[in-house]
Every structure is written in C-alpha cells, then in structure tokens.
Amino acid sequence: MDNQEEPVVNFTTFILQLATTAAMHFGDLADPETGTPLEPNVPAAAHIIELIAMLQQKTAGNLSQPEAKLIEDLLYELRMRFVQAQQGDTRIIIEP
C-alpha cells in the first residue's frame, strides 16, 4: 500500500493546479518525470488563463475572501506572463 497522502481537493488546490498547468505550458516548469523543461505552448497557456477567468466569473459572490484574492492574483500574474511570452521573453524556470 502507498503511504503517500492524497492531496486535499478544494477550490484553492484546483485553481493552483490550473495555474501550474499554465506554467508548464509556458515552459516555465520542467516535466515532472524527466526533469527537462517542456516546450512552450502559449496558446494552451492562454486557454488555461481563459478557463480560470471563466471560473472567476461563474463563482463570483460564492468564494471566500482568500479564494477570491487568490484567483484575482493568479490571473494577474498569468496574464502578465502571457504578455511576456507574446513578446518572446525567455522561460522563467521554476525549480521544484
């Protein structure tokens, strides 16, 4: 039997997982299995940003203050990263 604890599933972990996926699409995170940076896929990152924005809109008024701030802050950071990627800026490698 595996002794690893199952991750907590809640809105915060879900949003953070989506943001991590966007970072992977930007090429900022390495493949967890190989450790090599992934090739950037900016359109896929943009899709994830749009998905998070849709969730923000659809959950408006139903989030706790920390959840609402998290999604607002993440969207700001991801949108700024998208602008950088559109301008051809290099990857921001995030070490695990």
PDB file of N, CA and C in Angstrom:
ATOM      1  N   MET A   1       0.838  -1.177   0.000  1.00  0.00           N
ATOM      2  CA  MET A   1       0.000   0.000   0.000  1.00  0.00           C
ATOM      3  C   MET A   1       0.881   1.238   0.000  1.00  0.00           C
ATOM      4  N   ASP A   2       0.483   2.258  -0.745  1.00  0.00           N
ATOM      5  CA  ASP A   2       1.228   3.500  -0.868  1.00  0.00           C
ATOM      6  C   ASP A   2       0.981   4.369   0.357  1.00  0.00           C
ATOM      7  N   ASN A   3       2.057   4.901   0.940  1.00  0.00           N
ATOM      8  CA  ASN A   3       1.934   5.721   2.137  1.00  0.00           C
ATOM      9  C   ASN A   3       1.764   7.198   1.835  1.00  0.00           C
ATOM     10  N   GLN A   4       1.746   7.578   0.562  1.00  0.00           N
ATOM     11  CA  GLN A   4       1.557   8.979   0.219  1.00  0.00           C
ATOM     12  C   GLN A   4       0.135   9.397   0.538  1.00  0.00           C
ATOM     13  N   GLU A   5       0.028  10.594   1.130  1.00  0.00           N
ATOM     14  CA  GLU A   5      -1.298  11.115   1.420  1.00  0.00           C
ATOM     15  C   GLU A   5      -1.922  11.658   0.145  1.00  0.00           C
ATOM     16  N   GLU A   6      -3.208  11.486   0.029  1.00  0.00           N
ATOM     17  CA  GLU A   6      -3.932  12.039  -1.108  1.00  0.00           C
ATOM     18  C   GLU A   6      -3.991  13.555  -0.935  1.00  0.00           C
ATOM     19  N   PRO A   7      -3.799  14.310  -2.009  1.00  0.00           N
ATOM     20  CA  PRO A   7      -3.888  15.769  -1.881  1.00  0.00           C
ATOM     21  C   PRO A   7      -5.306  16.196  -1.526  1.00  0.00           C
ATOM     22  N   VAL A   8      -5.389  17.283  -0.788  1.00  0.00           N
ATOM     23  CA  VAL A   8      -6.688  17.835  -0.434  1.00  0.00           C
ATOM     24  C   VAL A   8      -7.320  18.394  -1.702  1.00  0.00           C
ATOM     25  N   VAL A   9      -8.571  18.068  -1.921  1.00  0.00           N
ATOM     26  CA  VAL A   9      -9.272  18.577  -3.097  1.00  0.00           C
ATOM     27  C   VAL A   9     -10.239  19.656  -2.624  1.00  0.00           C
ATOM     28  N   ASN A  10      -9.911  20.892  -2.993  1.00  0.00           N
ATOM     29  CA  ASN A  10     -10.789  22.016  -2.699  1.00  0.00           C
ATOM     30  C   ASN A  10     -10.580  23.059  -3.794  1.00  0.00           C
ATOM     31  N   PHE A  11     -11.279  24.169  -3.701  1.00  0.00           N
ATOM     32  CA  PHE A  11     -11.198  25.174  -4.753  1.00  0.00           C
ATOM     33  C   PHE A  11      -9.781  25.715  -4.907  1.00  0.00           C
ATOM     34  N   THR A  12      -9.117  25.964  -3.788  1.00  0.00           N
ATOM     35  CA  THR A  12      -7.763  26.516  -3.825  1.00  0.00           C
ATOM     36  C   THR A  12      -6.795  25.581  -4.528  1.00  0.00           C
ATOM     37  N   THR A  13      -6.797  24.312  -4.176  1.00  0.00           N
ATOM     38  CA  THR A  13      -5.869  23.377  -4.817  1.00  0.00           C
ATOM     39  C   THR A  13      -6.217  23.207  -6.294  1.00  0.00           C
ATOM     40  N   PHE A  14      -7.500  23.261  -6.627  1.00  0.00           N
ATOM     41  CA  PHE A  14      -7.918  23.159  -8.023  1.00  0.00           C
ATOM     42  C   PHE A  14      -7.376  24.335  -8.843  1.00  0.00           C
ATOM     43  N   ILE A  15      -7.526  25.557  -8.328  1.00  0.00           N
ATOM     44  CA  ILE A  15      -7.041  26.746  -9.032  1.00  0.00           C
ATOM     45  C   ILE A  15      -5.519  26.713  -9.139  1.00  0.00           C
ATOM     46  N   LEU A  16      -4.846  26.311  -8.068  1.00  0.00           N
ATOM     47  CA  LEU A  16      -3.383  26.227  -8.107  1.00  0.00           C
ATOM     48  C   LEU A  16      -2.918  25.176  -9.107  1.00  0.00           C
ATOM     49  N   GLN A  17      -3.660  24.093  -9.224  1.00  0.00           N
ATOM     50  CA  GLN A  17      -3.319  23.063 -10.207  1.00  0.00           C
ATOM     51  C   GLN A  17      -3.459  23.614 -11.623  1.00  0.00           C
ATOM     52  N   LEU A  18      -4.498  24.391 -11.868  1.00  0.00           N
ATOM     53  CA  LEU A  18      -4.666  25.011 -13.186  1.00  0.00           C
ATOM     54  C   LEU A  18      -3.528  25.993 -13.468  1.00  0.00           C
ATOM     55  N   ALA A  19      -3.145  26.785 -12.467  1.00  0.00           N
ATOM     56  CA  ALA A  19      -2.046  27.736 -12.652  1.00  0.00           C
ATOM     57  C   ALA A  19      -0.737  27.008 -12.928  1.00  0.00           C
ATOM     58  N   THR A  20      -0.527  25.878 -12.267  1.00  0.00           N
ATOM     59  CA  THR A  20       0.672  25.069 -12.507  1.00  0.00           C
ATOM     60  C   THR A  20       0.671  24.540 -13.937  1.00  0.00           C
ATOM     61  N   THR A  21      -0.485  24.144 -14.417  1.00  0.00           N
ATOM     62  CA  THR A  21      -0.605  23.669 -15.789  1.00  0.00           C
ATOM     63  C   THR A  21      -0.259  24.791 -16.761  1.00  0.00           C
ATOM     64  N   ALA A  22      -0.721  25.999 -16.477  1.00  0.00           N
ATOM     65  CA  ALA A  22      -0.377  27.141 -17.333  1.00  0.00           C
ATOM     66  C   ALA A  22       1.131  27.360 -17.335  1.00  0.00           C
ATOM     67  N   ALA A  23       1.772  27.273 -16.161  1.00  0.00           N
ATOM     68  CA  ALA A  23       3.229  27.449 -16.075  1.00  0.00           C
ATOM     69  C   ALA A  23       3.947  26.385 -16.902  1.00  0.00           C
ATOM     70  N   MET A  24       3.425  25.178 -16.886  1.00  0.00           N
ATOM     71  CA  MET A  24       4.017  24.115 -17.707  1.00  0.00           C
ATOM     72  C   MET A  24       3.873  24.462 -19.187  1.00  0.00           C
ATOM     73  N   HIS A  25       2.719  24.989 -19.577  1.00  0.00           N
ATOM     74  CA  HIS A  25       2.509  25.365 -20.986  1.00  0.00           C
ATOM     75  C   HIS A  25       3.397  26.532 -21.400  1.00  0.00           C
ATOM     76  N   PHE A  26       3.725  27.414 -20.461  1.00  0.00           N
ATOM     77  CA  PHE A  26       4.653  28.500 -20.767  1.00  0.00           C
ATOM     78  C   PHE A  26       6.082  27.984 -20.892  1.00  0.00           C
ATOM     79  N   GLY A  27       6.314  26.741 -20.472  1.00  0.00           N
ATOM     80  CA  GLY A  27       7.661  26.183 -20.491  1.00  0.00           C
ATOM     81  C   GLY A  27       8.467  26.568 -19.265  1.00  0.00           C
ATOM     82  N   ASP A  28       7.783  27.065 -18.233  1.00  0.00           N
ATOM     83  CA  ASP A  28       8.452  27.527 -17.020  1.00  0.00           C
ATOM     84  C   ASP A  28       8.714  26.414 -16.012  1.00  0.00           C
ATOM     85  N   LEU A  29       8.042  25.300 -16.151  1.00  0.00           N
ATOM     86  CA  LEU A  29       8.237  24.158 -15.256  1.00  0.00           C
ATOM     87  C   LEU A  29       8.773  22.979 -16.053  1.00  0.00           C
ATOM     88  N   ALA A  30       9.616  22.226 -15.425  1.00  0.00           N
ATOM     89  CA  ALA A  30      10.152  21.027 -16.072  1.00  0.00           C
ATOM     90  C   ALA A  30       9.132  19.894 -16.004  1.00  0.00           C
ATOM     91  N   ASP A  31       9.260  18.985 -16.938  1.00  0.00           N
ATOM     92  CA  ASP A  31       8.444  17.772 -16.921  1.00  0.00           C
ATOM     93  C   ASP A  31       8.751  17.045 -15.608  1.00  0.00           C
ATOM     94  N   PRO A  32       7.730  16.730 -14.808  1.00  0.00           N
ATOM     95  CA  PRO A  32       7.986  16.095 -13.517  1.00  0.00           C
ATOM     96  C   PRO A  32       8.639  14.713 -13.626  1.00  0.00           C
ATOM     97  N   GLU A  33       8.460  14.051 -14.742  1.00  0.00           N
ATOM     98  CA  GLU A  33       9.038  12.714 -14.901  1.00  0.00           C
ATOM     99  C   GLU A  33      10.483  12.755 -15.393  1.00  0.00           C
ATOM    100  N   THR A  34      10.788  13.686 -16.296  1.00  0.00           N
ATOM    101  CA  THR A  34      12.124  13.717 -16.895  1.00  0.00           C
ATOM    102  C   THR A  34      13.010  14.817 -16.336  1.00  0.00           C
ATOM    103  N   GLY A  35      12.403  15.860 -15.782  1.00  0.00           N
ATOM    104  CA  GLY A  35      13.176  16.982 -15.274  1.00  0.00           C
ATOM    105  C   GLY A  35      13.609  17.956 -16.350  1.00  0.00           C
ATOM    106  N   THR A  36      13.228  17.719 -17.590  1.00  0.00           N
ATOM    107  CA  THR A  36      13.602  18.624 -18.673  1.00  0.00           C
ATOM    108  C   THR A  36      12.475  19.632 -18.909  1.00  0.00           C
ATOM    109  N   PRO A  37      12.856  20.879 -19.228  1.00  0.00           N
ATOM    110  CA  PRO A  37      11.824  21.884 -19.500  1.00  0.00           C
ATOM    111  C   PRO A  37      10.962  21.477 -20.696  1.00  0.00           C
ATOM    112  N   LEU A  38       9.685  21.746 -20.586  1.00  0.00           N
ATOM    113  CA  LEU A  38       8.759  21.452 -21.678  1.00  0.00           C
ATOM    114  C   LEU A  38       8.821  22.562 -22.709  1.00  0.00           C
ATOM    115  N   GLU A  39       8.518  22.234 -23.937  1.00  0.00           N
ATOM    116  CA  GLU A  39       8.450  23.242 -24.990  1.00  0.00           C
ATOM    117  C   GLU A  39       7.247  24.145 -24.710  1.00  0.00           C
ATOM    118  N   PRO A  40       7.439  25.453 -24.837  1.00  0.00           N
ATOM    119  CA  PRO A  40       6.315  26.365 -24.600  1.00  0.00           C
ATOM    120  C   PRO A  40       5.166  26.121 -25.580  1.00  0.00           C
ATOM    121  N   ASN A  41       3.969  26.241 -25.063  1.00  0.00           N
ATOM    122  CA  ASN A  41       2.749  26.155 -25.860  1.00  0.00           C
ATOM    123  C   ASN A  41       1.862  27.305 -25.379  1.00  0.00           C
ATOM    124  N   VAL A  42       2.145  28.500 -25.873  1.00  0.00           N
ATOM    125  CA  VAL A  42       1.469  29.706 -25.404  1.00  0.00           C
ATOM    126  C   VAL A  42      -0.044  29.655 -25.649  1.00  0.00           C
ATOM    127  N   PRO A  43      -0.525  29.134 -26.787  1.00  0.00           N
ATOM    128  CA  PRO A  43      -1.979  29.040 -26.949  1.00  0.00           C
ATOM    129  C   PRO A  43      -2.637  28.157 -25.873  1.00  0.00           C
ATOM    130  N   ALA A  44      -1.973  27.082 -25.478  1.00  0.00           N
ATOM    131  CA  ALA A  44      -2.533  26.225 -24.420  1.00  0.00           C
ATOM    132  C   ALA A  44      -2.531  26.962 -23.085  1.00  0.00           C
ATOM    133  N   ALA A  45      -1.481  27.740 -22.826  1.00  0.00           N
ATOM    134  CA  ALA A  45      -1.435  28.539 -21.594  1.00  0.00           C
ATOM    135  C   ALA A  45      -2.569  29.566 -21.600  1.00  0.00           C
ATOM    136  N   ALA A  46      -2.802  30.186 -22.746  1.00  0.00           N
ATOM    137  CA  ALA A  46      -3.891  31.166 -22.869  1.00  0.00           C
ATOM    138  C   ALA A  46      -5.239  30.512 -22.593  1.00  0.00           C
ATOM    139  N   HIS A  47      -5.410  29.291 -23.044  1.00  0.00           N
ATOM    140  CA  HIS A  47      -6.661  28.566 -22.801  1.00  0.00           C
ATOM    141  C   HIS A  47      -6.877  28.354 -21.305  1.00  0.00           C
ATOM    142  N   ILE A  48      -5.823  28.004 -20.587  1.00  0.00           N
ATOM    143  CA  ILE A  48      -5.931  27.795 -19.144  1.00  0.00           C
ATOM    144  C   ILE A  48      -6.276  29.116 -18.453  1.00  0.00           C
ATOM    145  N   ILE A  49      -5.666  30.211 -18.896  1.00  0.00           N
ATOM    146  CA  ILE A  49      -5.973  31.528 -18.320  1.00  0.00           C
ATOM    147  C   ILE A  49      -7.444  31.858 -18.539  1.00  0.00           C
ATOM    148  N   GLU A  50      -7.955  31.599 -19.733  1.00  0.00           N
ATOM    149  CA  GLU A  50      -9.369  31.833 -20.018  1.00  0.00           C
ATOM    150  C   GLU A  50     -10.262  30.957 -19.142  1.00  0.00           C
ATOM    151  N   LEU A  51      -9.839  29.737 -18.897  1.00  0.00           N
ATOM    152  CA  LEU A  51     -10.595  28.823 -18.047  1.00  0.00           C
ATOM    153  C   LEU A  51     -10.663  29.352 -16.613  1.00  0.00           C
ATOM    154  N   ILE A  52      -9.539  29.822 -16.095  1.00  0.00           N
ATOM    155  CA  ILE A  52      -9.526  30.383 -14.742  1.00  0.00           C
ATOM    156  C   ILE A  52     -10.402  31.637 -14.676  1.00  0.00           C
ATOM    157  N   ALA A  53     -10.341  32.476 -15.716  1.00  0.00           N
ATOM    158  CA  ALA A  53     -11.171  33.684 -15.763  1.00  0.00           C
ATOM    159  C   ALA A  53     -12.655  33.322 -15.781  1.00  0.00           C
ATOM    160  N   MET A  54     -13.013  32.278 -16.515  1.00  0.00           N
ATOM    161  CA  MET A  54     -14.400  31.833 -16.546  1.00  0.00           C
ATOM    162  C   MET A  54     -14.832  31.361 -15.160  1.00  0.00           C
ATOM    163  N   LEU A  55     -13.961  30.607 -14.486  1.00  0.00           N
ATOM    164  CA  LEU A  55     -14.282  30.153 -13.133  1.00  0.00           C
ATOM    165  C   LEU A  55     -14.450  31.329 -12.182  1.00  0.00           C
ATOM    166  N   GLN A  56     -13.607  32.352 -12.348  1.00  0.00           N
ATOM    167  CA  GLN A  56     -13.738  33.543 -11.512  1.00  0.00           C
ATOM    168  C   GLN A  56     -15.108  34.188 -11.720  1.00  0.00           C
ATOM    169  N   GLN A  57     -15.507  34.302 -12.966  1.00  0.00           N
ATOM    170  CA  GLN A  57     -16.793  34.928 -13.284  1.00  0.00           C
ATOM    171  C   GLN A  57     -17.953  34.088 -12.760  1.00  0.00           C
ATOM    172  N   LYS A  58     -17.891  32.792 -12.971  1.00  0.00           N
ATOM    173  CA  LYS A  58     -19.004  31.912 -12.594  1.00  0.00           C
ATOM    174  C   LYS A  58     -19.122  31.716 -11.084  1.00  0.00           C
ATOM    175  N   THR A  59     -18.027  31.933 -10.353  1.00  0.00           N
ATOM    176  CA  THR A  59     -18.068  31.737  -8.903  1.00  0.00           C
ATOM    177  C   THR A  59     -18.148  33.059  -8.138  1.00  0.00           C
ATOM    178  N   ALA A  60     -18.264  34.168  -8.859  1.00  0.00           N
ATOM    179  CA  ALA A  60     -18.310  35.492  -8.213  1.00  0.00           C
ATOM    180  C   ALA A  60     -19.416  35.519  -7.157  1.00  0.00           C
ATOM    181  N   GLY A  61     -19.059  35.987  -5.980  1.00  0.00           N
ATOM    182  CA  GLY A  61     -20.020  36.058  -4.881  1.00  0.00           C
ATOM    183  C   GLY A  61     -20.126  34.784  -4.076  1.00  0.00           C
ATOM    184  N   ASN A  62     -19.504  33.712  -4.544  1.00  0.00           N
ATOM    185  CA  ASN A  62     -19.582  32.427  -3.852  1.00  0.00           C
ATOM    186  C   ASN A  62     -18.252  31.986  -3.247  1.00  0.00           C
ATOM    187  N   LEU A  63     -17.227  32.805  -3.370  1.00  0.00           N
ATOM    188  CA  LEU A  63     -15.911  32.449  -2.865  1.00  0.00           C
ATOM    189  C   LEU A  63     -15.634  33.159  -1.554  1.00  0.00           C
ATOM    190  N   SER A  64     -14.793  32.542  -0.745  1.00  0.00           N
ATOM    191  CA  SER A  64     -14.319  33.232   0.454  1.00  0.00           C
ATOM    192  C   SER A  64     -13.385  34.348   0.001  1.00  0.00           C
ATOM    193  N   GLN A  65     -13.098  35.283   0.888  1.00  0.00           N
ATOM    194  CA  GLN A  65     -12.212  36.392   0.533  1.00  0.00           C
ATOM    195  C   GLN A  65     -10.836  35.880   0.121  1.00  0.00           C
ATOM    196  N   PRO A  66     -10.240  34.920   0.833  1.00  0.00           N
ATOM    197  CA  PRO A  66      -8.931  34.408   0.396  1.00  0.00           C
ATOM    198  C   PRO A  66      -8.989  33.713  -0.971  1.00  0.00           C
ATOM    199  N   GLU A  67     -10.061  32.990  -1.247  1.00  0.00           N
ATOM    200  CA  GLU A  67     -10.197  32.333  -2.555  1.00  0.00           C
ATOM    201  C   GLU A  67     -10.324  33.361  -3.665  1.00  0.00           C
ATOM    202  N   ALA A  68     -11.129  34.390  -3.440  1.00  0.00           N
ATOM    203  CA  ALA A  68     -11.315  35.436  -4.448  1.00  0.00           C
ATOM    204  C   ALA A  68     -10.007  36.172  -4.708  1.00  0.00           C
ATOM    205  N   LYS A  69      -9.245  36.443  -3.655  1.00  0.00           N
ATOM    206  CA  LYS A  69      -7.957  37.127  -3.812  1.00  0.00           C
ATOM    207  C   LYS A  69      -6.970  36.238  -4.544  1.00  0.00           C
ATOM    208  N   LEU A  70      -6.947  34.961  -4.215  1.00  0.00           N
ATOM    209  CA  LEU A  70      -6.054  34.024  -4.890  1.00  0.00           C
ATOM    210  C   LEU A  70      -6.312  34.008  -6.390  1.00  0.00           C
ATOM    211  N   ILE A  71      -7.551  33.856  -6.778  1.00  0.00           N
ATOM    212  CA  ILE A  71      -7.861  33.766  -8.205  1.00  0.00           C
ATOM    213  C   ILE A  71      -7.556  35.099  -8.904  1.00  0.00           C
ATOM    214  N   GLU A  72      -7.824  36.209  -8.239  1.00  0.00           N
ATOM    215  CA  GLU A  72      -7.516  37.522  -8.815  1.00  0.00           C
ATOM    216  C   GLU A  72      -6.008  37.691  -9.002  1.00  0.00           C
ATOM    217  N   ASP A  73      -5.241  37.348  -7.983  1.00  0.00           N
ATOM    218  CA  ASP A  73      -3.780  37.473  -8.052  1.00  0.00           C
ATOM    219  C   ASP A  73      -3.179  36.538  -9.101  1.00  0.00           C
ATOM    220  N   LEU A  74      -3.667  35.297  -9.138  1.00  0.00           N
ATOM    221  CA  LEU A  74      -3.151  34.341 -10.119  1.00  0.00           C
ATOM    222  C   LEU A  74      -3.442  34.805 -11.545  1.00  0.00           C
ATOM    223  N   LEU A  75      -4.648  35.289 -11.766  1.00  0.00           N
ATOM    224  CA  LEU A  75      -4.988  35.774 -13.105  1.00  0.00           C
ATOM    225  C   LEU A  75      -4.094  36.943 -13.508  1.00  0.00           C
ATOM    226  N   TYR A  76      -3.827  37.841 -12.583  1.00  0.00           N
ATOM    227  CA  TYR A  76      -2.946  38.965 -12.890  1.00  0.00           C
ATOM    228  C   TYR A  76      -1.564  38.452 -13.289  1.00  0.00           C
ATOM    229  N   GLU A  77      -0.995  37.577 -12.467  1.00  0.00           N
ATOM    230  CA  GLU A  77       0.342  37.046 -12.743  1.00  0.00           C
ATOM    231  C   GLU A  77       0.389  36.266 -14.052  1.00  0.00           C
ATOM    232  N   LEU A  78      -0.619  35.440 -14.301  1.00  0.00           N
ATOM    233  CA  LEU A  78      -0.641  34.651 -15.530  1.00  0.00           C
ATOM    234  C   LEU A  78      -0.817  35.536 -16.762  1.00  0.00           C
ATOM    235  N   ARG A  79      -1.622  36.564 -16.639  1.00  0.00           N
ATOM    236  CA  ARG A  79      -1.805  37.482 -17.775  1.00  0.00           C
ATOM    237  C   ARG A  79      -0.515  38.253 -18.063  1.00  0.00           C
ATOM    238  N   MET A  80       0.183  38.661 -17.013  1.00  0.00           N
ATOM    239  CA  MET A  80       1.469  39.341 -17.213  1.00  0.00           C
ATOM    240  C   MET A  80       2.479  38.387 -17.861  1.00  0.00           C
ATOM    241  N   ARG A  81       2.465  37.128 -17.439  1.00  0.00           N
ATOM    242  CA  ARG A  81       3.360  36.124 -18.029  1.00  0.00           C
ATOM    243  C   ARG A  81       3.008  35.905 -19.489  1.00  0.00           C
ATOM    244  N   PHE A  82       1.710  35.933 -19.809  1.00  0.00           N
ATOM    245  CA  PHE A  82       1.269  35.773 -21.191  1.00  0.00           C
ATOM    246  C   PHE A  82       1.813  36.907 -22.060  1.00  0.00           C
ATOM    247  N   VAL A  83       1.742  38.138 -21.554  1.00  0.00           N
ATOM    248  CA  VAL A  83       2.281  39.280 -22.298  1.00  0.00           C
ATOM    249  C   VAL A  83       3.773  39.077 -22.545  1.00  0.00           C
ATOM    250  N   GLN A  84       4.506  38.646 -21.520  1.00  0.00           N
ATOM    251  CA  GLN A  84       5.933  38.374 -21.679  1.00  0.00           C
ATOM    252  C   GLN A  84       6.167  37.321 -22.760  1.00  0.00           C
ATOM    253  N   ALA A  85       5.373  36.256 -22.719  1.00  0.00           N
ATOM    254  CA  ALA A  85       5.531  35.170 -23.694  1.00  0.00           C
ATOM    255  C   ALA A  85       5.228  35.666 -25.103  1.00  0.00           C
ATOM    256  N   GLN A  86       4.238  36.530 -25.238  1.00  0.00           N
ATOM    257  CA  GLN A  86       3.888  37.086 -26.548  1.00  0.00           C
ATOM    258  C   GLN A  86       5.015  37.951 -27.099  1.00  0.00           C
ATOM    259  N   GLN A  87       5.788  38.555 -26.211  1.00  0.00           N
ATOM    260  CA  GLN A  87       6.897  39.413 -26.619  1.00  0.00           C
ATOM    261  C   GLN A  87       8.174  38.614 -26.846  1.00  0.00           C
ATOM    262  N   GLY A  88       8.077  37.309 -26.694  1.00  0.00           N
ATOM    263  CA  GLY A  88       9.213  36.451 -26.950  1.00  0.00           C
ATOM    264  C   GLY A  88      10.189  36.333 -25.794  1.00  0.00           C
ATOM    265  N   ASP A  89       9.759  36.735 -24.611  1.00  0.00           N
ATOM    266  CA  ASP A  89      10.629  36.616 -23.447  1.00  0.00           C
ATOM    267  C   ASP A  89      10.952  35.153 -23.180  1.00  0.00           C
ATOM    268  N   THR A  90      12.135  34.946 -22.634  1.00  0.00           N
ATOM    269  CA  THR A  90      12.562  33.584 -22.361  1.00  0.00           C
ATOM    270  C   THR A  90      11.764  32.976 -21.232  1.00  0.00           C
ATOM    271  N   ARG A  91      11.962  31.715 -21.061  1.00  0.00           N
ATOM    272  CA  ARG A  91      11.265  30.982 -19.998  1.00  0.00           C
ATOM    273  C   ARG A  91      11.700  31.473 -18.625  1.00  0.00           C
ATOM    274  N   ILE A  92      10.815  31.307 -17.687  1.00  0.00           N
ATOM    275  CA  ILE A  92      11.127  31.544 -16.289  1.00  0.00           C
ATOM    276  C   ILE A  92      11.136  30.163 -15.651  1.00  0.00           C
ATOM    277  N   ILE A  93      12.314  29.589 -15.505  1.00  0.00           N
ATOM    278  CA  ILE A  93      12.399  28.218 -14.986  1.00  0.00           C
ATOM    279  C   ILE A  93      12.164  28.243 -13.478  1.00  0.00           C
ATOM    280  N   ILE A  94      11.192  27.475 -13.049  1.00  0.00           N
ATOM    281  CA  ILE A  94      10.828  27.366 -11.640  1.00  0.00           C
ATOM    282  C   ILE A  94      11.328  26.034 -11.137  1.00  0.00           C
ATOM    283  N   GLU A  95      12.222  26.088 -10.163  1.00  0.00           N
ATOM    284  CA  GLU A  95      12.770  24.856  -9.588  1.00  0.00           C
ATOM    285  C   GLU A  95      11.772  24.271  -8.599  1.00  0.00           C
ATOM    286  N   PRO A  96      11.634  22.945  -8.594  1.00  0.00           N
ATOM    287  CA  PRO A  96      10.699  22.313  -7.645  1.00  0.00           C
ATOM    288  C   PRO A  96      11.165  22.434  -6.225  1.00  0.00           C
TER     289      PRO A  96
END
